[in-house]
N, C-alpha and C. Protein backbone atom coordinates (compact mmCIF):
# COMPACT_ATOMS: atom_id res chain seq x y z
N LEU A 1 -89.60 -160.96 138.67
CA LEU A 1 -88.59 -161.19 137.64
C LEU A 1 -88.11 -162.63 137.63
N PHE A 2 -87.81 -163.15 138.87
CA PHE A 2 -87.29 -164.50 138.93
C PHE A 2 -88.37 -165.52 138.59
N GLY A 3 -89.61 -165.15 138.80
CA GLY A 3 -90.68 -166.11 138.56
C GLY A 3 -91.26 -166.04 137.17
N SER A 4 -90.75 -165.13 136.35
CA SER A 4 -91.30 -165.00 135.00
C SER A 4 -90.94 -166.21 134.15
N LYS A 5 -91.86 -166.66 133.37
CA LYS A 5 -91.64 -167.81 132.49
C LYS A 5 -91.23 -167.35 131.09
N LYS A 6 -90.35 -168.13 130.55
CA LYS A 6 -89.95 -167.83 129.17
C LYS A 6 -91.09 -168.13 128.21
N LYS A 7 -91.18 -167.31 127.22
CA LYS A 7 -92.21 -167.53 126.20
C LYS A 7 -91.92 -168.84 125.47
N ASN A 8 -92.99 -169.61 125.29
CA ASN A 8 -92.85 -170.86 124.56
C ASN A 8 -92.52 -170.58 123.11
N GLN A 9 -91.39 -171.17 122.68
CA GLN A 9 -91.00 -170.99 121.28
C GLN A 9 -91.79 -171.96 120.40
N ALA A 10 -92.24 -171.46 119.27
CA ALA A 10 -93.00 -172.30 118.34
C ALA A 10 -92.08 -173.36 117.74
N PRO A 11 -92.55 -174.59 117.60
CA PRO A 11 -91.72 -175.64 117.00
C PRO A 11 -91.44 -175.31 115.54
N PRO A 12 -90.32 -175.76 115.05
CA PRO A 12 -90.00 -175.48 113.64
C PRO A 12 -90.99 -176.17 112.72
N PRO A 13 -91.26 -175.58 111.58
CA PRO A 13 -92.20 -176.20 110.65
C PRO A 13 -91.64 -177.51 110.11
N PRO A 14 -92.51 -178.42 109.75
CA PRO A 14 -92.03 -179.70 109.23
C PRO A 14 -91.31 -179.51 107.89
N SER A 15 -90.41 -180.41 107.61
CA SER A 15 -89.70 -180.34 106.34
C SER A 15 -90.61 -180.80 105.21
N LEU A 16 -90.15 -180.57 103.99
CA LEU A 16 -90.95 -181.00 102.84
C LEU A 16 -91.11 -182.52 102.80
N ASP A 17 -90.05 -183.24 103.20
CA ASP A 17 -90.14 -184.70 103.22
C ASP A 17 -91.19 -185.15 104.25
N GLU A 18 -91.17 -184.52 105.44
CA GLU A 18 -92.15 -184.88 106.48
C GLU A 18 -93.56 -184.53 106.03
N THR A 19 -93.71 -183.38 105.38
CA THR A 19 -95.03 -182.98 104.90
C THR A 19 -95.56 -183.94 103.85
N SER A 20 -94.70 -184.33 102.93
CA SER A 20 -95.12 -185.27 101.89
C SER A 20 -95.47 -186.62 102.48
N GLU A 21 -94.70 -187.07 103.47
CA GLU A 21 -94.99 -188.36 104.12
C GLU A 21 -96.33 -188.31 104.84
N SER A 22 -96.61 -187.18 105.53
CA SER A 22 -97.89 -187.03 106.22
C SER A 22 -99.05 -187.03 105.23
N MET A 23 -98.86 -186.35 104.10
CA MET A 23 -99.90 -186.32 103.07
C MET A 23 -100.14 -187.71 102.49
N GLU A 24 -99.07 -188.49 102.35
CA GLU A 24 -99.22 -189.83 101.80
C GLU A 24 -100.08 -190.70 102.72
N LYS A 25 -99.89 -190.55 104.01
CA LYS A 25 -100.72 -191.29 104.97
C LYS A 25 -102.19 -190.87 104.85
N ARG A 26 -102.42 -189.55 104.70
CA ARG A 26 -103.78 -189.05 104.56
C ARG A 26 -104.42 -189.55 103.27
N VAL A 27 -103.62 -189.61 102.19
CA VAL A 27 -104.13 -190.12 100.90
C VAL A 27 -104.55 -191.58 101.04
N LYS A 28 -103.75 -192.37 101.72
CA LYS A 28 -104.09 -193.78 101.94
C LYS A 28 -105.38 -193.91 102.75
N PHE A 29 -105.52 -193.05 103.76
CA PHE A 29 -106.73 -193.09 104.59
C PHE A 29 -107.98 -192.80 103.75
N LEU A 30 -107.91 -191.76 102.90
CA LEU A 30 -109.07 -191.40 102.08
C LEU A 30 -109.38 -192.48 101.06
N ARG A 31 -108.37 -193.11 100.50
CA ARG A 31 -108.61 -194.19 99.54
C ARG A 31 -109.30 -195.37 100.23
N ASP A 32 -108.88 -195.66 101.44
CA ASP A 32 -109.54 -196.75 102.18
C ASP A 32 -111.01 -196.41 102.44
N LYS A 33 -111.28 -195.15 102.79
CA LYS A 33 -112.66 -194.73 103.04
C LYS A 33 -113.50 -194.84 101.77
N ILE A 34 -112.95 -194.45 100.66
CA ILE A 34 -113.69 -194.55 99.39
C ILE A 34 -113.98 -196.01 99.06
N SER A 35 -112.99 -196.88 99.33
CA SER A 35 -113.20 -198.32 99.09
C SER A 35 -114.33 -198.86 99.98
N GLU A 36 -114.39 -198.40 101.22
CA GLU A 36 -115.47 -198.82 102.11
C GLU A 36 -116.82 -198.34 101.58
N CYS A 37 -116.87 -197.12 101.08
CA CYS A 37 -118.12 -196.59 100.52
C CYS A 37 -118.56 -197.39 99.31
N ASP A 38 -117.59 -197.75 98.45
CA ASP A 38 -117.92 -198.55 97.26
C ASP A 38 -118.48 -199.91 97.67
N LYS A 39 -117.89 -200.49 98.72
CA LYS A 39 -118.39 -201.79 99.20
C LYS A 39 -119.80 -201.65 99.76
N ASP A 40 -120.04 -200.58 100.54
CA ASP A 40 -121.38 -200.36 101.11
C ASP A 40 -122.40 -200.11 100.01
N LEU A 41 -122.02 -199.36 99.01
CA LEU A 41 -122.96 -199.06 97.91
C LEU A 41 -123.31 -200.32 97.15
N ALA A 42 -122.32 -201.21 96.96
CA ALA A 42 -122.61 -202.46 96.25
C ALA A 42 -123.60 -203.31 97.04
N GLU A 43 -123.46 -203.36 98.37
CA GLU A 43 -124.39 -204.14 99.19
C GLU A 43 -125.78 -203.51 99.19
N LEU A 44 -125.83 -202.17 99.25
CA LEU A 44 -127.13 -201.48 99.27
C LEU A 44 -127.86 -201.65 97.94
N ARG A 45 -127.15 -201.69 96.85
CA ARG A 45 -127.80 -201.91 95.55
C ARG A 45 -128.51 -203.27 95.53
N GLN A 46 -127.82 -204.26 96.08
CA GLN A 46 -128.45 -205.59 96.13
C GLN A 46 -129.66 -205.59 97.05
N SER A 47 -129.54 -204.83 98.15
CA SER A 47 -130.68 -204.76 99.08
C SER A 47 -131.87 -204.04 98.46
N ILE A 48 -131.58 -202.98 97.71
CA ILE A 48 -132.67 -202.22 97.07
C ILE A 48 -133.40 -203.09 96.05
N LYS A 49 -132.63 -203.92 95.32
CA LYS A 49 -133.27 -204.78 94.33
C LYS A 49 -134.20 -205.82 94.98
N GLY A 50 -133.84 -206.26 96.16
CA GLY A 50 -134.65 -207.31 96.80
C GLY A 50 -135.63 -206.81 97.83
N SER A 51 -135.80 -205.48 97.96
CA SER A 51 -136.70 -204.94 98.99
C SER A 51 -137.89 -204.26 98.33
N ARG A 52 -138.93 -204.08 99.14
CA ARG A 52 -140.17 -203.44 98.68
C ARG A 52 -140.65 -202.47 99.75
N GLY A 53 -141.41 -201.45 99.30
CA GLY A 53 -142.07 -200.54 100.23
C GLY A 53 -141.09 -199.71 101.03
N SER A 54 -141.36 -199.61 102.34
CA SER A 54 -140.57 -198.75 103.22
C SER A 54 -139.12 -199.24 103.33
N SER A 55 -138.94 -200.54 103.26
CA SER A 55 -137.57 -201.08 103.33
C SER A 55 -136.74 -200.61 102.14
N SER A 56 -137.35 -200.58 100.97
CA SER A 56 -136.65 -200.12 99.78
C SER A 56 -136.31 -198.64 99.88
N VAL A 57 -137.27 -197.85 100.44
CA VAL A 57 -137.02 -196.41 100.61
C VAL A 57 -135.87 -196.18 101.58
N MET A 58 -135.86 -196.95 102.68
CA MET A 58 -134.80 -196.80 103.67
C MET A 58 -133.43 -197.15 103.07
N ASN A 59 -133.39 -198.19 102.29
CA ASN A 59 -132.11 -198.59 101.66
C ASN A 59 -131.63 -197.52 100.68
N LYS A 60 -132.59 -196.91 99.98
CA LYS A 60 -132.21 -195.86 99.04
C LYS A 60 -131.66 -194.66 99.78
N GLN A 61 -132.29 -194.28 100.89
CA GLN A 61 -131.78 -193.14 101.68
C GLN A 61 -130.37 -193.42 102.20
N ARG A 62 -130.15 -194.65 102.68
CA ARG A 62 -128.81 -195.02 103.14
C ARG A 62 -127.80 -194.96 102.00
N ALA A 63 -128.23 -195.39 100.83
CA ALA A 63 -127.33 -195.36 99.68
C ALA A 63 -126.98 -193.93 99.30
N VAL A 64 -127.95 -193.02 99.42
CA VAL A 64 -127.68 -191.62 99.10
C VAL A 64 -126.66 -191.04 100.08
N GLN A 65 -126.80 -191.38 101.36
CA GLN A 65 -125.86 -190.88 102.36
C GLN A 65 -124.44 -191.42 102.10
N VAL A 66 -124.38 -192.69 101.78
CA VAL A 66 -123.06 -193.28 101.49
C VAL A 66 -122.46 -192.63 100.25
N LEU A 67 -123.28 -192.36 99.26
CA LEU A 67 -122.78 -191.74 98.03
C LEU A 67 -122.27 -190.34 98.30
N LYS A 68 -122.99 -189.57 99.16
CA LYS A 68 -122.52 -188.23 99.53
C LYS A 68 -121.16 -188.30 100.23
N ARG A 69 -121.06 -189.29 101.15
CA ARG A 69 -119.80 -189.46 101.86
C ARG A 69 -118.65 -189.79 100.89
N ARG A 70 -118.98 -190.63 99.95
CA ARG A 70 -117.95 -191.02 98.98
C ARG A 70 -117.49 -189.81 98.16
N LYS A 71 -118.43 -188.98 97.73
CA LYS A 71 -118.07 -187.79 96.96
C LYS A 71 -117.21 -186.84 97.79
N MET A 72 -117.54 -186.73 99.10
CA MET A 72 -116.75 -185.87 99.97
C MET A 72 -115.31 -186.39 100.08
N TYR A 73 -115.17 -187.70 100.27
CA TYR A 73 -113.83 -188.28 100.36
C TYR A 73 -113.06 -188.12 99.04
N ALA A 74 -113.78 -188.31 97.94
CA ALA A 74 -113.14 -188.19 96.62
C ALA A 74 -112.67 -186.75 96.38
N SER A 75 -113.51 -185.77 96.80
CA SER A 75 -113.12 -184.37 96.63
C SER A 75 -111.89 -184.04 97.48
N GLN A 76 -111.87 -184.53 98.73
CA GLN A 76 -110.72 -184.30 99.59
C GLN A 76 -109.45 -184.97 99.02
N LEU A 77 -109.65 -186.17 98.46
CA LEU A 77 -108.51 -186.88 97.88
C LEU A 77 -107.93 -186.13 96.69
N ASP A 78 -108.79 -185.61 95.83
CA ASP A 78 -108.29 -184.84 94.68
C ASP A 78 -107.52 -183.61 95.13
N SER A 79 -108.07 -182.90 96.11
CA SER A 79 -107.41 -181.69 96.60
C SER A 79 -106.07 -182.03 97.27
N LEU A 80 -106.08 -183.10 98.08
CA LEU A 80 -104.86 -183.49 98.78
C LEU A 80 -103.77 -183.96 97.82
N GLN A 81 -104.16 -184.70 96.80
CA GLN A 81 -103.17 -185.17 95.83
C GLN A 81 -102.56 -184.00 95.04
N GLY A 82 -103.38 -182.97 94.77
CA GLY A 82 -102.83 -181.78 94.12
C GLY A 82 -101.82 -181.08 95.00
N GLN A 83 -102.15 -180.96 96.31
CA GLN A 83 -101.20 -180.34 97.23
C GLN A 83 -99.93 -181.18 97.37
N GLN A 84 -100.09 -182.48 97.42
CA GLN A 84 -98.94 -183.37 97.56
C GLN A 84 -98.02 -183.26 96.34
N PHE A 85 -98.62 -183.12 95.17
CA PHE A 85 -97.80 -182.97 93.97
C PHE A 85 -96.97 -181.69 94.04
N ASN A 86 -97.60 -180.60 94.50
CA ASN A 86 -96.87 -179.34 94.61
C ASN A 86 -95.73 -179.44 95.63
N VAL A 87 -96.01 -180.12 96.75
CA VAL A 87 -94.97 -180.29 97.77
C VAL A 87 -93.81 -181.12 97.22
N GLU A 88 -94.12 -182.21 96.54
CA GLU A 88 -93.08 -183.07 96.00
C GLU A 88 -92.28 -182.35 94.91
N GLN A 89 -92.98 -181.54 94.11
CA GLN A 89 -92.27 -180.78 93.08
C GLN A 89 -91.31 -179.77 93.71
N LEU A 90 -91.77 -179.09 94.76
CA LEU A 90 -90.93 -178.13 95.46
C LEU A 90 -89.75 -178.84 96.14
N ASN A 91 -90.03 -180.01 96.70
CA ASN A 91 -88.97 -180.78 97.35
C ASN A 91 -87.92 -181.22 96.32
N PHE A 92 -88.37 -181.64 95.17
CA PHE A 92 -87.45 -182.03 94.10
C PHE A 92 -86.57 -180.86 93.67
N ASN A 93 -87.20 -179.67 93.51
CA ASN A 93 -86.42 -178.49 93.13
C ASN A 93 -85.40 -178.13 94.20
N GLN A 94 -85.82 -178.25 95.47
CA GLN A 94 -84.91 -177.94 96.56
C GLN A 94 -83.72 -178.90 96.57
N GLN A 95 -83.99 -180.17 96.37
CA GLN A 95 -82.91 -181.15 96.33
C GLN A 95 -81.98 -180.90 95.14
N SER A 96 -82.55 -180.50 94.02
CA SER A 96 -81.72 -180.20 92.85
C SER A 96 -80.80 -179.02 93.12
N ILE A 97 -81.35 -178.00 93.78
CA ILE A 97 -80.53 -176.83 94.12
C ILE A 97 -79.42 -177.23 95.08
N GLN A 98 -79.77 -178.07 96.08
CA GLN A 98 -78.76 -178.50 97.04
C GLN A 98 -77.67 -179.35 96.36
N ASP A 99 -78.09 -180.19 95.41
CA ASP A 99 -77.12 -180.98 94.64
C ASP A 99 -76.18 -180.07 93.86
N THR A 100 -76.74 -178.99 93.29
CA THR A 100 -75.91 -178.04 92.54
C THR A 100 -74.92 -177.34 93.47
N ILE A 101 -75.41 -176.95 94.66
CA ILE A 101 -74.52 -176.30 95.63
C ILE A 101 -73.39 -177.24 96.03
N ASN A 102 -73.73 -178.51 96.30
CA ASN A 102 -72.71 -179.49 96.68
C ASN A 102 -71.70 -179.70 95.56
N ALA A 103 -72.21 -179.76 94.33
CA ALA A 103 -71.31 -179.98 93.19
C ALA A 103 -70.37 -178.79 93.01
N VAL A 104 -70.91 -177.58 93.13
CA VAL A 104 -70.07 -176.38 92.98
C VAL A 104 -69.02 -176.34 94.09
N GLY A 105 -69.42 -176.67 95.33
CA GLY A 105 -68.46 -176.69 96.43
C GLY A 105 -67.35 -177.70 96.20
N ALA A 106 -67.73 -178.90 95.73
CA ALA A 106 -66.72 -179.92 95.45
C ALA A 106 -65.79 -179.49 94.32
N MET A 107 -66.35 -178.83 93.31
CA MET A 107 -65.52 -178.35 92.19
C MET A 107 -64.54 -177.27 92.64
N LYS A 108 -64.98 -176.40 93.55
CA LYS A 108 -64.09 -175.36 94.06
C LYS A 108 -62.91 -175.97 94.80
N VAL A 109 -63.22 -176.95 95.65
CA VAL A 109 -62.15 -177.62 96.41
C VAL A 109 -61.18 -178.31 95.45
N ALA A 110 -61.73 -179.04 94.47
CA ALA A 110 -60.88 -179.74 93.51
C ALA A 110 -60.03 -178.75 92.71
N HIS A 111 -60.61 -177.60 92.38
CA HIS A 111 -59.87 -176.59 91.63
C HIS A 111 -58.68 -176.07 92.44
N GLN A 112 -58.90 -175.80 93.71
CA GLN A 112 -57.82 -175.32 94.57
C GLN A 112 -56.74 -176.37 94.72
N VAL A 113 -57.15 -177.63 94.87
CA VAL A 113 -56.17 -178.72 95.00
C VAL A 113 -55.34 -178.85 93.73
N GLN A 114 -55.98 -178.76 92.57
CA GLN A 114 -55.26 -178.87 91.31
C GLN A 114 -54.28 -177.70 91.13
N LYS A 115 -54.71 -176.51 91.52
CA LYS A 115 -53.80 -175.36 91.41
C LYS A 115 -52.57 -175.56 92.29
N GLN A 116 -52.79 -176.07 93.50
CA GLN A 116 -51.67 -176.32 94.40
C GLN A 116 -50.75 -177.42 93.85
N GLN A 117 -51.34 -178.43 93.27
CA GLN A 117 -50.54 -179.51 92.70
C GLN A 117 -49.73 -179.03 91.51
N LEU A 118 -50.32 -178.18 90.69
CA LEU A 118 -49.61 -177.68 89.51
C LEU A 118 -48.42 -176.80 89.90
N LYS A 119 -48.52 -176.15 91.07
CA LYS A 119 -47.39 -175.34 91.53
C LYS A 119 -46.17 -176.20 91.82
N GLU A 120 -46.39 -177.47 92.16
CA GLU A 120 -45.29 -178.36 92.47
C GLU A 120 -44.69 -179.00 91.22
N ILE A 121 -45.23 -178.70 90.07
CA ILE A 121 -44.74 -179.28 88.81
C ILE A 121 -44.04 -178.18 88.02
N ASN A 122 -42.77 -178.45 87.63
CA ASN A 122 -41.99 -177.52 86.82
C ASN A 122 -41.96 -178.05 85.38
N PRO A 123 -42.61 -177.34 84.45
CA PRO A 123 -42.63 -177.84 83.07
C PRO A 123 -41.23 -177.99 82.47
N ASP A 124 -40.31 -177.06 82.81
CA ASP A 124 -38.95 -177.16 82.27
C ASP A 124 -38.26 -178.42 82.77
N GLN A 125 -38.46 -178.74 84.04
CA GLN A 125 -37.85 -179.96 84.58
C GLN A 125 -38.44 -181.20 83.92
N ILE A 126 -39.74 -181.16 83.67
CA ILE A 126 -40.36 -182.31 83.01
C ILE A 126 -39.82 -182.47 81.60
N GLU A 127 -39.65 -181.34 80.89
CA GLU A 127 -39.13 -181.40 79.53
C GLU A 127 -37.70 -181.95 79.53
N ASP A 128 -36.87 -181.47 80.48
CA ASP A 128 -35.49 -181.99 80.57
C ASP A 128 -35.49 -183.48 80.89
N MET A 129 -36.38 -183.88 81.78
CA MET A 129 -36.44 -185.30 82.14
C MET A 129 -36.83 -186.16 80.95
N MET A 130 -37.79 -185.68 80.16
CA MET A 130 -38.21 -186.44 78.99
C MET A 130 -37.10 -186.52 77.96
N GLU A 131 -36.32 -185.44 77.81
CA GLU A 131 -35.19 -185.48 76.89
C GLU A 131 -34.13 -186.47 77.37
N ASP A 132 -33.89 -186.48 78.68
CA ASP A 132 -32.93 -187.45 79.24
C ASP A 132 -33.41 -188.88 79.01
N ILE A 133 -34.69 -189.09 79.16
CA ILE A 133 -35.23 -190.43 78.93
C ILE A 133 -35.04 -190.84 77.48
N ALA A 134 -35.27 -189.88 76.57
CA ALA A 134 -35.10 -190.18 75.14
C ALA A 134 -33.63 -190.49 74.85
N ASP A 135 -32.71 -189.71 75.43
CA ASP A 135 -31.28 -189.97 75.22
C ASP A 135 -30.88 -191.33 75.76
N LEU A 136 -31.39 -191.67 76.94
CA LEU A 136 -31.08 -192.98 77.51
C LEU A 136 -31.61 -194.10 76.63
N ALA A 137 -32.77 -193.89 76.06
CA ALA A 137 -33.33 -194.92 75.18
C ALA A 137 -32.46 -195.10 73.94
N MET A 138 -31.97 -193.99 73.39
CA MET A 138 -31.10 -194.08 72.22
C MET A 138 -29.78 -194.76 72.58
N ASP A 139 -29.21 -194.40 73.74
CA ASP A 139 -27.95 -195.03 74.16
C ASP A 139 -28.15 -196.53 74.39
N THR A 140 -29.24 -196.87 75.00
CA THR A 140 -29.51 -198.29 75.23
C THR A 140 -29.65 -199.05 73.93
N GLU A 141 -30.32 -198.44 72.96
CA GLU A 141 -30.48 -199.08 71.66
C GLU A 141 -29.13 -199.26 70.97
N GLU A 142 -28.26 -198.25 71.10
CA GLU A 142 -26.93 -198.34 70.48
C GLU A 142 -26.10 -199.44 71.14
N VAL A 143 -26.17 -199.52 72.48
CA VAL A 143 -25.43 -200.58 73.18
C VAL A 143 -25.93 -201.95 72.76
N ASN A 144 -27.21 -202.10 72.67
CA ASN A 144 -27.78 -203.39 72.26
C ASN A 144 -27.34 -203.76 70.86
N GLU A 145 -27.27 -202.75 69.99
CA GLU A 145 -26.83 -203.02 68.62
C GLU A 145 -25.37 -203.48 68.59
N ILE A 146 -24.54 -202.80 69.42
CA ILE A 146 -23.12 -203.18 69.47
C ILE A 146 -22.96 -204.59 70.01
N MET A 147 -23.70 -204.89 71.07
CA MET A 147 -23.58 -206.22 71.69
C MET A 147 -24.08 -207.33 70.78
N SER A 148 -24.94 -207.01 69.86
CA SER A 148 -25.49 -208.04 68.98
C SER A 148 -24.74 -208.18 67.67
N ARG A 149 -23.65 -207.43 67.50
CA ARG A 149 -22.89 -207.54 66.26
C ARG A 149 -22.19 -208.88 66.15
N ASN A 150 -22.00 -209.36 64.90
CA ASN A 150 -21.31 -210.63 64.64
C ASN A 150 -19.94 -210.32 64.04
N TYR A 151 -18.89 -210.63 64.81
CA TYR A 151 -17.53 -210.32 64.37
C TYR A 151 -16.83 -211.52 63.73
N SER A 152 -17.52 -212.55 63.34
CA SER A 152 -16.92 -213.71 62.68
C SER A 152 -16.38 -213.31 61.31
N VAL A 153 -15.19 -213.88 60.95
CA VAL A 153 -14.54 -213.55 59.68
C VAL A 153 -15.06 -214.49 58.60
N ASP A 154 -15.46 -213.92 57.49
CA ASP A 154 -15.93 -214.73 56.38
C ASP A 154 -14.73 -215.31 55.64
N VAL A 155 -14.59 -216.65 55.64
CA VAL A 155 -13.47 -217.33 54.98
C VAL A 155 -14.03 -218.36 54.01
N ASP A 156 -13.36 -218.46 52.86
CA ASP A 156 -13.78 -219.45 51.88
C ASP A 156 -13.42 -220.84 52.38
N GLU A 157 -14.40 -221.72 52.44
CA GLU A 157 -14.17 -223.06 52.95
C GLU A 157 -13.20 -223.83 52.06
N ALA A 158 -13.21 -223.59 50.75
CA ALA A 158 -12.28 -224.28 49.84
C ALA A 158 -10.83 -223.91 50.16
N GLU A 159 -10.61 -222.63 50.46
CA GLU A 159 -9.25 -222.20 50.82
C GLU A 159 -8.81 -222.86 52.12
N LEU A 160 -9.73 -222.94 53.09
CA LEU A 160 -9.39 -223.60 54.35
C LEU A 160 -9.04 -225.06 54.14
N GLU A 161 -9.78 -225.76 53.30
CA GLU A 161 -9.47 -227.17 53.04
C GLU A 161 -8.12 -227.32 52.34
N ALA A 162 -7.80 -226.41 51.41
CA ALA A 162 -6.49 -226.48 50.71
C ALA A 162 -5.36 -226.24 51.70
N GLU A 163 -5.52 -225.24 52.57
CA GLU A 163 -4.48 -224.98 53.57
C GLU A 163 -4.33 -226.17 54.51
N LEU A 164 -5.44 -226.81 54.87
CA LEU A 164 -5.37 -227.98 55.74
C LEU A 164 -4.62 -229.12 55.07
N ASP A 165 -4.84 -229.32 53.75
CA ASP A 165 -4.13 -230.37 53.03
C ASP A 165 -2.64 -230.08 52.99
N GLU A 166 -2.27 -228.82 52.74
CA GLU A 166 -0.85 -228.45 52.72
C GLU A 166 -0.21 -228.67 54.08
N LEU A 167 -0.94 -228.34 55.14
CA LEU A 167 -0.41 -228.54 56.49
C LEU A 167 -0.21 -230.03 56.77
N ASP A 168 -1.12 -230.85 56.33
CA ASP A 168 -0.99 -232.30 56.52
C ASP A 168 0.24 -232.84 55.77
N GLU A 169 0.50 -232.35 54.54
CA GLU A 169 1.65 -232.80 53.77
C GLU A 169 2.95 -232.38 54.43
N GLU A 170 2.99 -231.16 54.96
CA GLU A 170 4.21 -230.70 55.62
C GLU A 170 4.49 -231.52 56.87
N LEU A 171 3.43 -231.77 57.64
CA LEU A 171 3.63 -232.59 58.84
C LEU A 171 4.07 -234.00 58.50
N LEU A 172 3.53 -234.55 57.42
CA LEU A 172 3.91 -235.90 57.01
C LEU A 172 5.35 -235.94 56.55
N ALA A 173 5.76 -234.90 55.84
CA ALA A 173 7.15 -234.85 55.37
C ALA A 173 8.11 -234.73 56.54
N GLU A 174 7.75 -233.90 57.51
CA GLU A 174 8.60 -233.76 58.68
C GLU A 174 8.73 -235.07 59.45
N ASP A 175 7.62 -235.79 59.56
CA ASP A 175 7.66 -237.06 60.28
C ASP A 175 8.52 -238.08 59.52
N LEU A 176 8.47 -238.07 58.21
CA LEU A 176 9.26 -239.02 57.42
C LEU A 176 10.75 -238.70 57.53
N ASN A 177 11.09 -237.43 57.45
CA ASN A 177 12.50 -237.05 57.51
C ASN A 177 13.09 -237.31 58.89
N SER A 178 12.24 -237.13 59.92
CA SER A 178 12.76 -237.32 61.27
C SER A 178 12.75 -238.78 61.69
N GLY A 179 12.20 -239.67 60.91
CA GLY A 179 12.13 -241.09 61.24
C GLY A 179 11.09 -241.42 62.29
N ASN A 180 10.24 -240.45 62.63
CA ASN A 180 9.20 -240.70 63.63
C ASN A 180 8.05 -241.52 63.07
N LEU A 181 7.99 -241.59 61.74
CA LEU A 181 6.87 -242.29 61.12
C LEU A 181 7.42 -243.45 60.32
N SER A 182 7.03 -244.68 60.55
CA SER A 182 7.49 -245.88 59.83
C SER A 182 6.92 -245.91 58.44
N VAL A 183 7.75 -246.46 57.51
CA VAL A 183 7.32 -246.51 56.11
C VAL A 183 6.54 -247.78 55.89
N PRO A 184 5.42 -247.70 55.27
CA PRO A 184 4.62 -248.90 55.02
C PRO A 184 5.39 -249.91 54.19
N SER A 185 5.08 -251.21 54.30
CA SER A 185 5.82 -252.29 53.63
C SER A 185 5.72 -252.24 52.12
N TYR A 186 4.62 -251.64 51.65
CA TYR A 186 4.44 -251.60 50.20
C TYR A 186 5.21 -250.46 49.56
N LEU A 187 5.85 -249.59 50.40
CA LEU A 187 6.66 -248.51 49.87
C LEU A 187 8.15 -248.87 50.04
N PRO A 188 9.03 -248.48 49.11
CA PRO A 188 10.48 -248.76 49.24
C PRO A 188 11.06 -247.97 50.40
N SER A 189 12.04 -248.64 51.08
CA SER A 189 12.68 -247.97 52.19
C SER A 189 13.66 -246.93 51.67
N LYS A 190 14.23 -246.15 52.59
CA LYS A 190 15.14 -245.08 52.20
C LYS A 190 16.41 -245.66 51.54
N THR A 191 16.93 -246.82 52.05
CA THR A 191 18.14 -247.47 51.47
C THR A 191 17.86 -247.98 50.08
N GLU A 192 16.71 -248.61 49.91
CA GLU A 192 16.33 -249.13 48.60
C GLU A 192 16.18 -247.99 47.60
N GLN A 193 15.68 -246.85 48.09
CA GLN A 193 15.53 -245.71 47.18
C GLN A 193 16.90 -245.23 46.71
N GLU A 194 17.89 -245.21 47.65
CA GLU A 194 19.23 -244.74 47.26
C GLU A 194 19.89 -245.72 46.28
N GLU A 195 19.73 -247.07 46.52
CA GLU A 195 20.30 -248.06 45.62
C GLU A 195 19.69 -247.94 44.26
N GLU A 196 18.37 -247.66 44.25
CA GLU A 196 17.70 -247.53 42.97
C GLU A 196 18.20 -246.33 42.20
N LYS A 197 18.50 -245.26 42.93
CA LYS A 197 19.04 -244.07 42.27
C LYS A 197 20.43 -244.36 41.69
N THR A 198 21.30 -245.17 42.42
CA THR A 198 22.67 -245.51 41.94
C THR A 198 22.63 -246.36 40.71
N MET A 199 21.73 -247.31 40.70
CA MET A 199 21.62 -248.22 39.55
C MET A 199 21.13 -247.45 38.32
N THR A 200 20.28 -246.57 38.50
CA THR A 200 19.77 -245.84 37.32
C THR A 200 20.78 -244.85 36.80
N SER A 201 21.67 -244.43 37.72
CA SER A 201 22.68 -243.50 37.24
C SER A 201 23.81 -244.25 36.54
């Protein structure tokens, strides 16, 4: 019992990406082999043209062998490329499915987050807040209108000038009666005015 060995577990199969990468290396190998065959065939054709007798026969036999090899490589390449296409197509479908699963998972999480966020929002409170904002805007507009009013009194400038002239005459008369203002030399003095009044009477 103690000496029994555990059964060897089989390694996991390669992934589609690994399989496609391995096939790509094999495709490159076969293409290189076909290129070598084409090069050998081109050289053998030249040799066949310049040879005679047994040498020509030998070159032809070699060319036939190279041609068979080339056809074998070409057949393997066609088959391998078909398999590689199927693997890549399957890999693409698998990635598309995984992308869909990831997108659905992300959408579910976002949906739950949005539902939780909406629970924290009260539509009635938002409506009241917007009404308060509108009222504040109206009050602010009214205050600005009041502050920008012009309370200057519209007065006729002609009336102001007439009142100013009357005020000047009254002040001048007061100054003359009080003796604060001297009489110009070209005007009669107060005594001369009284004598003139006596003589005329």
